[in-house]
Amino acid sequence: LQPDDTGVYYCNGQWIVEPIGSYWGQ
């Protein structure tokens, strides 16, 4: 890891069956 890697890392998931949609973590 380098200083430029600093940031908030978010998880995202996409479903095409229920639960349909795109979802984000905090």
mmCIF file of all heavy atoms, coordinates in Angstrom:
data_MODEL
# 
_entry.id   MODEL 
# 
loop_
_atom_site.group_PDB 
_atom_site.id 
_atom_site.type_symbol 
_atom_site.label_atom_id 
_atom_site.label_alt_id 
_atom_site.label_comp_id 
_atom_site.label_asym_id 
_atom_site.label_entity_id 
_atom_site.label_seq_id 
_atom_site.pdbx_PDB_ins_code 
_atom_site.Cartn_x 
_atom_site.Cartn_y 
_atom_site.Cartn_z 
_atom_site.occupancy 
_atom_site.B_iso_or_equiv 
_atom_site.pdbx_formal_charge 
_atom_site.auth_seq_id 
_atom_site.auth_comp_id 
_atom_site.auth_asym_id 
_atom_site.auth_atom_id 
_atom_site.pdbx_PDB_model_num 
ATOM 1   N N   . LEU A 1 1  ? 0.819   -1.200  0.000   1.00 0.00 ? 1  LEU A N   1 
ATOM 2   C CA  . LEU A 1 1  ? 0.000   0.000   0.000   1.00 0.00 ? 1  LEU A CA  1 
ATOM 3   C C   . LEU A 1 1  ? 0.859   1.257   0.000   1.00 0.00 ? 1  LEU A C   1 
ATOM 4   O O   . LEU A 1 1  ? 1.944   1.293   0.586   1.00 0.00 ? 1  LEU A O   1 
ATOM 5   C CB  . LEU A 1 1  ? -0.915  0.003   1.216   1.00 0.00 ? 1  LEU A CB  1 
ATOM 6   C CG  . LEU A 1 1  ? -2.108  -0.948  1.116   1.00 0.00 ? 1  LEU A CG  1 
ATOM 7   C CD1 . LEU A 1 1  ? -2.686  -1.233  2.494   1.00 0.00 ? 1  LEU A CD1 1 
ATOM 8   C CD2 . LEU A 1 1  ? -3.171  -0.357  0.192   1.00 0.00 ? 1  LEU A CD2 1 
ATOM 9   N N   . GLN A 1 2  ? 0.358   2.270   -0.661  1.00 0.00 ? 2  GLN A N   1 
ATOM 10  C CA  . GLN A 1 2  ? 1.018   3.556   -0.770  1.00 0.00 ? 2  GLN A CA  1 
ATOM 11  C C   . GLN A 1 2  ? 0.083   4.653   -0.290  1.00 0.00 ? 2  GLN A C   1 
ATOM 12  O O   . GLN A 1 2  ? -1.136  4.466   -0.250  1.00 0.00 ? 2  GLN A O   1 
ATOM 13  C CB  . GLN A 1 2  ? 1.454   3.816   -2.213  1.00 0.00 ? 2  GLN A CB  1 
ATOM 14  C CG  . GLN A 1 2  ? 2.443   2.800   -2.758  1.00 0.00 ? 2  GLN A CG  1 
ATOM 15  C CD  . GLN A 1 2  ? 3.737   2.772   -1.969  1.00 0.00 ? 2  GLN A CD  1 
ATOM 16  O OE1 . GLN A 1 2  ? 4.279   3.814   -1.614  1.00 0.00 ? 2  GLN A OE1 1 
ATOM 17  N NE2 . GLN A 1 2  ? 4.242   1.576   -1.689  1.00 0.00 ? 2  GLN A NE2 1 
ATOM 18  N N   . PRO A 1 3  ? 0.629   5.807   0.062   1.00 0.00 ? 3  PRO A N   1 
ATOM 19  C CA  . PRO A 1 3  ? -0.235  6.903   0.525   1.00 0.00 ? 3  PRO A CA  1 
ATOM 20  C C   . PRO A 1 3  ? -1.357  7.261   -0.437  1.00 0.00 ? 3  PRO A C   1 
ATOM 21  O O   . PRO A 1 3  ? -2.441  7.649   0.005   1.00 0.00 ? 3  PRO A O   1 
ATOM 22  C CB  . PRO A 1 3  ? 0.751   8.059   0.712   1.00 0.00 ? 3  PRO A CB  1 
ATOM 23  C CG  . PRO A 1 3  ? 2.032   7.391   1.078   1.00 0.00 ? 3  PRO A CG  1 
ATOM 24  C CD  . PRO A 1 3  ? 2.064   6.131   0.248   1.00 0.00 ? 3  PRO A CD  1 
ATOM 25  N N   . ASP A 1 4  ? -1.124  7.125   -1.732  1.00 0.00 ? 4  ASP A N   1 
ATOM 26  C CA  . ASP A 1 4  ? -2.164  7.436   -2.708  1.00 0.00 ? 4  ASP A CA  1 
ATOM 27  C C   . ASP A 1 4  ? -3.337  6.464   -2.647  1.00 0.00 ? 4  ASP A C   1 
ATOM 28  O O   . ASP A 1 4  ? -4.381  6.727   -3.245  1.00 0.00 ? 4  ASP A O   1 
ATOM 29  C CB  . ASP A 1 4  ? -1.592  7.445   -4.128  1.00 0.00 ? 4  ASP A CB  1 
ATOM 30  C CG  . ASP A 1 4  ? -0.779  8.687   -4.433  1.00 0.00 ? 4  ASP A CG  1 
ATOM 31  O OD1 . ASP A 1 4  ? -0.839  9.651   -3.646  1.00 0.00 ? 4  ASP A OD1 1 
ATOM 32  O OD2 . ASP A 1 4  ? -0.079  8.696   -5.463  1.00 0.00 ? 4  ASP A OD2 1 
ATOM 33  N N   . ASP A 1 5  ? -3.177  5.356   -1.951  1.00 0.00 ? 5  ASP A N   1 
ATOM 34  C CA  . ASP A 1 5  ? -4.271  4.416   -1.773  1.00 0.00 ? 5  ASP A CA  1 
ATOM 35  C C   . ASP A 1 5  ? -5.230  4.852   -0.678  1.00 0.00 ? 5  ASP A C   1 
ATOM 36  O O   . ASP A 1 5  ? -6.269  4.215   -0.477  1.00 0.00 ? 5  ASP A O   1 
ATOM 37  C CB  . ASP A 1 5  ? -3.738  3.019   -1.442  1.00 0.00 ? 5  ASP A CB  1 
ATOM 38  C CG  . ASP A 1 5  ? -2.936  2.416   -2.582  1.00 0.00 ? 5  ASP A CG  1 
ATOM 39  O OD1 . ASP A 1 5  ? -3.366  2.532   -3.744  1.00 0.00 ? 5  ASP A OD1 1 
ATOM 40  O OD2 . ASP A 1 5  ? -1.876  1.813   -2.297  1.00 0.00 ? 5  ASP A OD2 1 
ATOM 41  N N   . THR A 1 6  ? -4.900  5.891   0.028   1.00 0.00 ? 6  THR A N   1 
ATOM 42  C CA  . THR A 1 6  ? -5.740  6.377   1.112   1.00 0.00 ? 6  THR A CA  1 
ATOM 43  C C   . THR A 1 6  ? -7.112  6.789   0.595   1.00 0.00 ? 6  THR A C   1 
ATOM 44  O O   . THR A 1 6  ? -7.234  7.453   -0.433  1.00 0.00 ? 6  THR A O   1 
ATOM 45  C CB  . THR A 1 6  ? -5.071  7.553   1.825   1.00 0.00 ? 6  THR A CB  1 
ATOM 46  O OG1 . THR A 1 6  ? -3.892  7.097   2.497   1.00 0.00 ? 6  THR A OG1 1 
ATOM 47  C CG2 . THR A 1 6  ? -6.003  8.180   2.852   1.00 0.00 ? 6  THR A CG2 1 
ATOM 48  N N   . GLY A 1 7  ? -8.140  6.397   1.306   1.00 0.00 ? 7  GLY A N   1 
ATOM 49  C CA  . GLY A 1 7  ? -9.488  6.772   0.948   1.00 0.00 ? 7  GLY A CA  1 
ATOM 50  C C   . GLY A 1 7  ? -10.495 5.880   1.640   1.00 0.00 ? 7  GLY A C   1 
ATOM 51  O O   . GLY A 1 7  ? -10.138 4.980   2.400   1.00 0.00 ? 7  GLY A O   1 
ATOM 52  N N   . VAL A 1 8  ? -11.741 6.142   1.357   1.00 0.00 ? 8  VAL A N   1 
ATOM 53  C CA  . VAL A 1 8  ? -12.820 5.304   1.845   1.00 0.00 ? 8  VAL A CA  1 
ATOM 54  C C   . VAL A 1 8  ? -13.132 4.271   0.778   1.00 0.00 ? 8  VAL A C   1 
ATOM 55  O O   . VAL A 1 8  ? -13.387 4.622   -0.379  1.00 0.00 ? 8  VAL A O   1 
ATOM 56  C CB  . VAL A 1 8  ? -14.077 6.122   2.180   1.00 0.00 ? 8  VAL A CB  1 
ATOM 57  C CG1 . VAL A 1 8  ? -15.191 5.211   2.670   1.00 0.00 ? 8  VAL A CG1 1 
ATOM 58  C CG2 . VAL A 1 8  ? -13.753 7.177   3.227   1.00 0.00 ? 8  VAL A CG2 1 
ATOM 59  N N   . TYR A 1 9  ? -13.105 3.022   1.160   1.00 0.00 ? 9  TYR A N   1 
ATOM 60  C CA  . TYR A 1 9  ? -13.353 1.921   0.238   1.00 0.00 ? 9  TYR A CA  1 
ATOM 61  C C   . TYR A 1 9  ? -14.771 1.416   0.420   1.00 0.00 ? 9  TYR A C   1 
ATOM 62  O O   . TYR A 1 9  ? -15.191 1.075   1.533   1.00 0.00 ? 9  TYR A O   1 
ATOM 63  C CB  . TYR A 1 9  ? -12.337 0.797   0.467   1.00 0.00 ? 9  TYR A CB  1 
ATOM 64  C CG  . TYR A 1 9  ? -10.980 1.127   -0.094  1.00 0.00 ? 9  TYR A CG  1 
ATOM 65  C CD1 . TYR A 1 9  ? -10.200 2.130   0.472   1.00 0.00 ? 9  TYR A CD1 1 
ATOM 66  C CD2 . TYR A 1 9  ? -10.477 0.448   -1.203  1.00 0.00 ? 9  TYR A CD2 1 
ATOM 67  C CE1 . TYR A 1 9  ? -8.962  2.455   -0.054  1.00 0.00 ? 9  TYR A CE1 1 
ATOM 68  C CE2 . TYR A 1 9  ? -9.243  0.762   -1.729  1.00 0.00 ? 9  TYR A CE2 1 
ATOM 69  C CZ  . TYR A 1 9  ? -8.484  1.766   -1.153  1.00 0.00 ? 9  TYR A CZ  1 
ATOM 70  O OH  . TYR A 1 9  ? -7.249  2.077   -1.680  1.00 0.00 ? 9  TYR A OH  1 
ATOM 71  N N   . TYR A 1 10 ? -15.503 1.366   -0.681  1.00 0.00 ? 10 TYR A N   1 
ATOM 72  C CA  . TYR A 1 10 ? -16.906 0.990   -0.673  1.00 0.00 ? 10 TYR A CA  1 
ATOM 73  C C   . TYR A 1 10 ? -17.127 -0.316  -1.411  1.00 0.00 ? 10 TYR A C   1 
ATOM 74  O O   . TYR A 1 10 ? -16.538 -0.552  -2.464  1.00 0.00 ? 10 TYR A O   1 
ATOM 75  C CB  . TYR A 1 10 ? -17.766 2.063   -1.346  1.00 0.00 ? 10 TYR A CB  1 
ATOM 76  C CG  . TYR A 1 10 ? -17.739 3.413   -0.676  1.00 0.00 ? 10 TYR A CG  1 
ATOM 77  C CD1 . TYR A 1 10 ? -16.833 4.381   -1.058  1.00 0.00 ? 10 TYR A CD1 1 
ATOM 78  C CD2 . TYR A 1 10 ? -18.642 3.716   0.339   1.00 0.00 ? 10 TYR A CD2 1 
ATOM 79  C CE1 . TYR A 1 10 ? -16.807 5.625   -0.454  1.00 0.00 ? 10 TYR A CE1 1 
ATOM 80  C CE2 . TYR A 1 10 ? -18.629 4.959   0.948   1.00 0.00 ? 10 TYR A CE2 1 
ATOM 81  C CZ  . TYR A 1 10 ? -17.709 5.910   0.547   1.00 0.00 ? 10 TYR A CZ  1 
ATOM 82  O OH  . TYR A 1 10 ? -17.699 7.143   1.151   1.00 0.00 ? 10 TYR A OH  1 
ATOM 83  N N   . CYS A 1 11 ? -17.998 -1.119  -0.867  1.00 0.00 ? 11 CYS A N   1 
ATOM 84  C CA  . CYS A 1 11 ? -18.433 -2.344  -1.513  1.00 0.00 ? 11 CYS A CA  1 
ATOM 85  C C   . CYS A 1 11 ? -19.725 -2.092  -2.265  1.00 0.00 ? 11 CYS A C   1 
ATOM 86  O O   . CYS A 1 11 ? -20.617 -1.390  -1.769  1.00 0.00 ? 11 CYS A O   1 
ATOM 87  C CB  . CYS A 1 11 ? -18.636 -3.439  -0.466  1.00 0.00 ? 11 CYS A CB  1 
ATOM 88  S SG  . CYS A 1 11 ? -19.199 -5.025  -1.115  1.00 0.00 ? 11 CYS A SG  1 
ATOM 89  N N   . ASN A 1 12 ? -19.829 -2.654  -3.459  1.00 0.00 ? 12 ASN A N   1 
ATOM 90  C CA  . ASN A 1 12 ? -21.032 -2.541  -4.271  1.00 0.00 ? 12 ASN A CA  1 
ATOM 91  C C   . ASN A 1 12 ? -21.442 -3.909  -4.777  1.00 0.00 ? 12 ASN A C   1 
ATOM 92  O O   . ASN A 1 12 ? -20.599 -4.708  -5.175  1.00 0.00 ? 12 ASN A O   1 
ATOM 93  C CB  . ASN A 1 12 ? -20.806 -1.599  -5.453  1.00 0.00 ? 12 ASN A CB  1 
ATOM 94  C CG  . ASN A 1 12 ? -21.975 -1.581  -6.419  1.00 0.00 ? 12 ASN A CG  1 
ATOM 95  O OD1 . ASN A 1 12 ? -21.964 -2.282  -7.437  1.00 0.00 ? 12 ASN A OD1 1 
ATOM 96  N ND2 . ASN A 1 12 ? -22.977 -0.780  -6.108  1.00 0.00 ? 12 ASN A ND2 1 
ATOM 97  N N   . GLY A 1 13 ? -22.736 -4.169  -4.766  1.00 0.00 ? 13 GLY A N   1 
ATOM 98  C CA  . GLY A 1 13 ? -23.266 -5.398  -5.312  1.00 0.00 ? 13 GLY A CA  1 
ATOM 99  C C   . GLY A 1 13 ? -24.455 -5.123  -6.195  1.00 0.00 ? 13 GLY A C   1 
ATOM 100 O O   . GLY A 1 13 ? -25.259 -4.241  -5.894  1.00 0.00 ? 13 GLY A O   1 
ATOM 101 N N   . GLN A 1 14 ? -24.560 -5.895  -7.274  1.00 0.00 ? 14 GLN A N   1 
ATOM 102 C CA  . GLN A 1 14 ? -25.668 -5.756  -8.211  1.00 0.00 ? 14 GLN A CA  1 
ATOM 103 C C   . GLN A 1 14 ? -26.352 -7.096  -8.398  1.00 0.00 ? 14 GLN A C   1 
ATOM 104 O O   . GLN A 1 14 ? -25.694 -8.110  -8.634  1.00 0.00 ? 14 GLN A O   1 
ATOM 105 C CB  . GLN A 1 14 ? -25.178 -5.225  -9.565  1.00 0.00 ? 14 GLN A CB  1 
ATOM 106 C CG  . GLN A 1 14 ? -24.549 -3.846  -9.500  1.00 0.00 ? 14 GLN A CG  1 
ATOM 107 C CD  . GLN A 1 14 ? -24.125 -3.344  -10.861 1.00 0.00 ? 14 GLN A CD  1 
ATOM 108 O OE1 . GLN A 1 14 ? -24.918 -3.384  -11.814 1.00 0.00 ? 14 GLN A OE1 1 
ATOM 109 N NE2 . GLN A 1 14 ? -22.910 -2.874  -10.954 1.00 0.00 ? 14 GLN A NE2 1 
ATOM 110 N N   . TRP A 1 15 ? -27.679 -7.062  -8.298  1.00 0.00 ? 15 TRP A N   1 
ATOM 111 C CA  . TRP A 1 15 ? -28.492 -8.259  -8.462  1.00 0.00 ? 15 TRP A CA  1 
ATOM 112 C C   . TRP A 1 15 ? -29.458 -8.073  -9.624  1.00 0.00 ? 15 TRP A C   1 
ATOM 113 O O   . TRP A 1 15 ? -30.091 -7.018  -9.752  1.00 0.00 ? 15 TRP A O   1 
ATOM 114 C CB  . TRP A 1 15 ? -29.290 -8.547  -7.190  1.00 0.00 ? 15 TRP A CB  1 
ATOM 115 C CG  . TRP A 1 15 ? -28.526 -9.286  -6.141  1.00 0.00 ? 15 TRP A CG  1 
ATOM 116 C CD1 . TRP A 1 15 ? -28.577 -10.621 -5.877  1.00 0.00 ? 15 TRP A CD1 1 
ATOM 117 C CD2 . TRP A 1 15 ? -27.593 -8.728  -5.205  1.00 0.00 ? 15 TRP A CD2 1 
ATOM 118 N NE1 . TRP A 1 15 ? -27.744 -10.937 -4.839  1.00 0.00 ? 15 TRP A NE1 1 
ATOM 119 C CE2 . TRP A 1 15 ? -27.122 -9.791  -4.402  1.00 0.00 ? 15 TRP A CE2 1 
ATOM 120 C CE3 . TRP A 1 15 ? -27.113 -7.435  -4.958  1.00 0.00 ? 15 TRP A CE3 1 
ATOM 121 C CZ2 . TRP A 1 15 ? -26.193 -9.608  -3.384  1.00 0.00 ? 15 TRP A CZ2 1 
ATOM 122 C CZ3 . TRP A 1 15 ? -26.189 -7.255  -3.937  1.00 0.00 ? 15 TRP A CZ3 1 
ATOM 123 C CH2 . TRP A 1 15 ? -25.744 -8.327  -3.173  1.00 0.00 ? 15 TRP A CH2 1 
ATOM 124 N N   . ILE A 1 16 ? -29.573 -9.096  -10.463 1.00 0.00 ? 16 ILE A N   1 
ATOM 125 C CA  . ILE A 1 16 ? -30.544 -9.067  -11.549 1.00 0.00 ? 16 ILE A CA  1 
ATOM 126 C C   . ILE A 1 16 ? -31.733 -9.967  -11.249 1.00 0.00 ? 16 ILE A C   1 
ATOM 127 O O   . ILE A 1 16 ? -32.676 -10.037 -12.037 1.00 0.00 ? 16 ILE A O   1 
ATOM 128 C CB  . ILE A 1 16 ? -29.908 -9.447  -12.900 1.00 0.00 ? 16 ILE A CB  1 
ATOM 129 C CG1 . ILE A 1 16 ? -29.312 -10.861 -12.841 1.00 0.00 ? 16 ILE A CG1 1 
ATOM 130 C CG2 . ILE A 1 16 ? -28.864 -8.415  -13.300 1.00 0.00 ? 16 ILE A CG2 1 
ATOM 131 C CD1 . ILE A 1 16 ? -28.822 -11.364 -14.183 1.00 0.00 ? 16 ILE A CD1 1 
ATOM 132 N N   . VAL A 1 17 ? -31.689 -10.664 -10.152 1.00 0.00 ? 17 VAL A N   1 
ATOM 133 C CA  . VAL A 1 17 ? -32.848 -11.327 -9.578  1.00 0.00 ? 17 VAL A CA  1 
ATOM 134 C C   . VAL A 1 17 ? -33.054 -10.733 -8.203  1.00 0.00 ? 17 VAL A C   1 
ATOM 135 O O   . VAL A 1 17 ? -32.186 -10.021 -7.692  1.00 0.00 ? 17 VAL A O   1 
ATOM 136 C CB  . VAL A 1 17 ? -32.669 -12.859 -9.511  1.00 0.00 ? 17 VAL A CB  1 
ATOM 137 C CG1 . VAL A 1 17 ? -32.523 -13.436 -10.910 1.00 0.00 ? 17 VAL A CG1 1 
ATOM 138 C CG2 . VAL A 1 17 ? -31.449 -13.217 -8.665  1.00 0.00 ? 17 VAL A CG2 1 
ATOM 139 N N   . GLU A 1 18 ? -34.206 -11.040 -7.573  1.00 0.00 ? 18 GLU A N   1 
ATOM 140 C CA  . GLU A 1 18 ? -34.482 -10.464 -6.271  1.00 0.00 ? 18 GLU A CA  1 
ATOM 141 C C   . GLU A 1 18 ? -33.390 -10.789 -5.273  1.00 0.00 ? 18 GLU A C   1 
ATOM 142 O O   . GLU A 1 18 ? -32.961 -11.936 -5.175  1.00 0.00 ? 18 GLU A O   1 
ATOM 143 C CB  . GLU A 1 18 ? -35.830 -10.949 -5.752  1.00 0.00 ? 18 GLU A CB  1 
ATOM 144 C CG  . GLU A 1 18 ? -37.011 -10.404 -6.515  1.00 0.00 ? 18 GLU A CG  1 
ATOM 145 C CD  . GLU A 1 18 ? -37.114 -8.902  -6.375  1.00 0.00 ? 18 GLU A CD  1 
ATOM 146 O OE1 . GLU A 1 18 ? -36.666 -8.345  -5.350  1.00 0.00 ? 18 GLU A OE1 1 
ATOM 147 O OE2 . GLU A 1 18 ? -37.662 -8.286  -7.297  1.00 0.00 ? 18 GLU A OE2 1 
ATOM 148 N N   . PRO A 1 19 ? -32.911 -9.749  -4.612  1.00 0.00 ? 19 PRO A N   1 
ATOM 149 C CA  . PRO A 1 19 ? -33.349 -8.358  -4.619  1.00 0.00 ? 19 PRO A CA  1 
ATOM 150 C C   . PRO A 1 19 ? -32.715 -7.566  -5.749  1.00 0.00 ? 19 PRO A C   1 
ATOM 151 O O   . PRO A 1 19 ? -31.509 -7.262  -5.701  1.00 0.00 ? 19 PRO A O   1 
ATOM 152 C CB  . PRO A 1 19 ? -32.868 -7.839  -3.265  1.00 0.00 ? 19 PRO A CB  1 
ATOM 153 C CG  . PRO A 1 19 ? -31.615 -8.622  -3.017  1.00 0.00 ? 19 PRO A CG  1 
ATOM 154 C CD  . PRO A 1 19 ? -31.861 -9.990  -3.611  1.00 0.00 ? 19 PRO A CD  1 
ATOM 155 N N   . ILE A 1 20 ? -33.472 -7.228  -6.739  1.00 0.00 ? 20 ILE A N   1 
ATOM 156 C CA  . ILE A 1 20 ? -32.963 -6.535  -7.912  1.00 0.00 ? 20 ILE A CA  1 
ATOM 157 C C   . ILE A 1 20 ? -32.488 -5.144  -7.524  1.00 0.00 ? 20 ILE A C   1 
ATOM 158 O O   . ILE A 1 20 ? -33.177 -4.414  -6.804  1.00 0.00 ? 20 ILE A O   1 
ATOM 159 C CB  . ILE A 1 20 ? -34.041 -6.441  -8.996  1.00 0.00 ? 20 ILE A CB  1 
ATOM 160 C CG1 . ILE A 1 20 ? -34.462 -7.847  -9.436  1.00 0.00 ? 20 ILE A CG1 1 
ATOM 161 C CG2 . ILE A 1 20 ? -33.558 -5.627  -10.185 1.00 0.00 ? 20 ILE A CG2 1 
ATOM 162 C CD1 . ILE A 1 20 ? -35.642 -7.863  -10.386 1.00 0.00 ? 20 ILE A CD1 1 
ATOM 163 N N   . GLY A 1 21 ? -31.321 -4.778  -8.027  1.00 0.00 ? 21 GLY A N   1 
ATOM 164 C CA  . GLY A 1 21 ? -30.827 -3.444  -7.785  1.00 0.00 ? 21 GLY A CA  1 
ATOM 165 C C   . GLY A 1 21 ? -29.335 -3.397  -7.556  1.00 0.00 ? 21 GLY A C   1 
ATOM 166 O O   . GLY A 1 21 ? -28.632 -4.413  -7.622  1.00 0.00 ? 21 GLY A O   1 
ATOM 167 N N   . SER A 1 22 ? -28.858 -2.203  -7.296  1.00 0.00 ? 22 SER A N   1 
ATOM 168 C CA  . SER A 1 22 ? -27.469 -1.937  -6.984  1.00 0.00 ? 22 SER A CA  1 
ATOM 169 C C   . SER A 1 22 ? -27.395 -1.400  -5.565  1.00 0.00 ? 22 SER A C   1 
ATOM 170 O O   . SER A 1 22 ? -28.141 -0.485  -5.208  1.00 0.00 ? 22 SER A O   1 
ATOM 171 C CB  . SER A 1 22 ? -26.879 -0.924  -7.968  1.00 0.00 ? 22 SER A CB  1 
ATOM 172 O OG  . SER A 1 22 ? -25.531 -0.639  -7.664  1.00 0.00 ? 22 SER A OG  1 
ATOM 173 N N   . TYR A 1 23 ? -26.481 -1.947  -4.768  1.00 0.00 ? 23 TYR A N   1 
ATOM 174 C CA  . TYR A 1 23 ? -26.441 -1.634  -3.347  1.00 0.00 ? 23 TYR A CA  1 
ATOM 175 C C   . TYR A 1 23 ? -25.021 -1.302  -2.926  1.00 0.00 ? 23 TYR A C   1 
ATOM 176 O O   . TYR A 1 23 ? -24.051 -1.868  -3.440  1.00 0.00 ? 23 TYR A O   1 
ATOM 177 C CB  . TYR A 1 23 ? -26.968 -2.811  -2.521  1.00 0.00 ? 23 TYR A CB  1 
ATOM 178 C CG  . TYR A 1 23 ? -28.385 -3.192  -2.879  1.00 0.00 ? 23 TYR A CG  1 
ATOM 179 C CD1 . TYR A 1 23 ? -28.648 -4.094  -3.901  1.00 0.00 ? 23 TYR A CD1 1 
ATOM 180 C CD2 . TYR A 1 23 ? -29.466 -2.632  -2.203  1.00 0.00 ? 23 TYR A CD2 1 
ATOM 181 C CE1 . TYR A 1 23 ? -29.942 -4.431  -4.243  1.00 0.00 ? 23 TYR A CE1 1 
ATOM 182 C CE2 . TYR A 1 23 ? -30.764 -2.970  -2.542  1.00 0.00 ? 23 TYR A CE2 1 
ATOM 183 C CZ  . TYR A 1 23 ? -30.994 -3.871  -3.564  1.00 0.00 ? 23 TYR A CZ  1 
ATOM 184 O OH  . TYR A 1 23 ? -32.285 -4.206  -3.903  1.00 0.00 ? 23 TYR A OH  1 
ATOM 185 N N   . TRP A 1 24 ? -24.922 -0.389  -1.978  1.00 0.00 ? 24 TRP A N   1 
ATOM 186 C CA  . TRP A 1 24 ? -23.643 0.104   -1.496  1.00 0.00 ? 24 TRP A CA  1 
ATOM 187 C C   . TRP A 1 24 ? -23.509 -0.083  0.002   1.00 0.00 ? 24 TRP A C   1 
ATOM 188 O O   . TRP A 1 24 ? -24.472 0.064   0.752   1.00 0.00 ? 24 TRP A O   1 
ATOM 189 C CB  . TRP A 1 24 ? -23.478 1.591   -1.803  1.00 0.00 ? 24 TRP A CB  1 
ATOM 190 C CG  . TRP A 1 24 ? -23.380 1.907   -3.260  1.00 0.00 ? 24 TRP A CG  1 
ATOM 191 C CD1 . TRP A 1 24 ? -24.406 2.164   -4.120  1.00 0.00 ? 24 TRP A CD1 1 
ATOM 192 C CD2 . TRP A 1 24 ? -22.181 1.998   -4.033  1.00 0.00 ? 24 TRP A CD2 1 
ATOM 193 N NE1 . TRP A 1 24 ? -23.925 2.415   -5.376  1.00 0.00 ? 24 TRP A NE1 1 
ATOM 194 C CE2 . TRP A 1 24 ? -22.566 2.322   -5.355  1.00 0.00 ? 24 TRP A CE2 1 
ATOM 195 C CE3 . TRP A 1 24 ? -20.831 1.845   -3.741  1.00 0.00 ? 24 TRP A CE3 1 
ATOM 196 C CZ2 . TRP A 1 24 ? -21.628 2.490   -6.375  1.00 0.00 ? 24 TRP A CZ2 1 
ATOM 197 C CZ3 . TRP A 1 24 ? -19.906 2.006   -4.755  1.00 0.00 ? 24 TRP A CZ3 1 
ATOM 198 C CH2 . TRP A 1 24 ? -20.311 2.328   -6.056  1.00 0.00 ? 24 TRP A CH2 1 
ATOM 199 N N   . GLY A 1 25 ? -22.298 -0.385  0.425   1.00 0.00 ? 25 GLY A N   1 
ATOM 200 C CA  . GLY A 1 25 ? -21.989 -0.370  1.832   1.00 0.00 ? 25 GLY A CA  1 
ATOM 201 C C   . GLY A 1 25 ? -21.653 1.029   2.298   1.00 0.00 ? 25 GLY A C   1 
ATOM 202 O O   . GLY A 1 25 ? -21.600 1.985   1.519   1.00 0.00 ? 25 GLY A O   1 
ATOM 203 N N   . GLN A 1 26 ? -21.430 1.156   3.588   1.00 0.00 ? 26 GLN A N   1 
ATOM 204 C CA  . GLN A 1 26 ? -21.128 2.453   4.173   1.00 0.00 ? 26 GLN A CA  1 
ATOM 205 C C   . GLN A 1 26 ? -19.667 2.856   4.004   1.00 0.00 ? 26 GLN A C   1 
ATOM 206 O O   . GLN A 1 26 ? -19.327 4.022   4.184   1.00 0.00 ? 26 GLN A O   1 
ATOM 207 C CB  . GLN A 1 26 ? -21.488 2.458   5.654   1.00 0.00 ? 26 GLN A CB  1 
ATOM 208 C CG  . GLN A 1 26 ? -22.979 2.374   5.929   1.00 0.00 ? 26 GLN A CG  1 
ATOM 209 C CD  . GLN A 1 26 ? -23.726 3.558   5.377   1.00 0.00 ? 26 GLN A CD  1 
ATOM 210 O OE1 . GLN A 1 26 ? -24.501 3.436   4.424   1.00 0.00 ? 26 GLN A OE1 1 
ATOM 211 N NE2 . GLN A 1 26 ? -23.493 4.728   5.942   1.00 0.00 ? 26 GLN A NE2 1 
# 
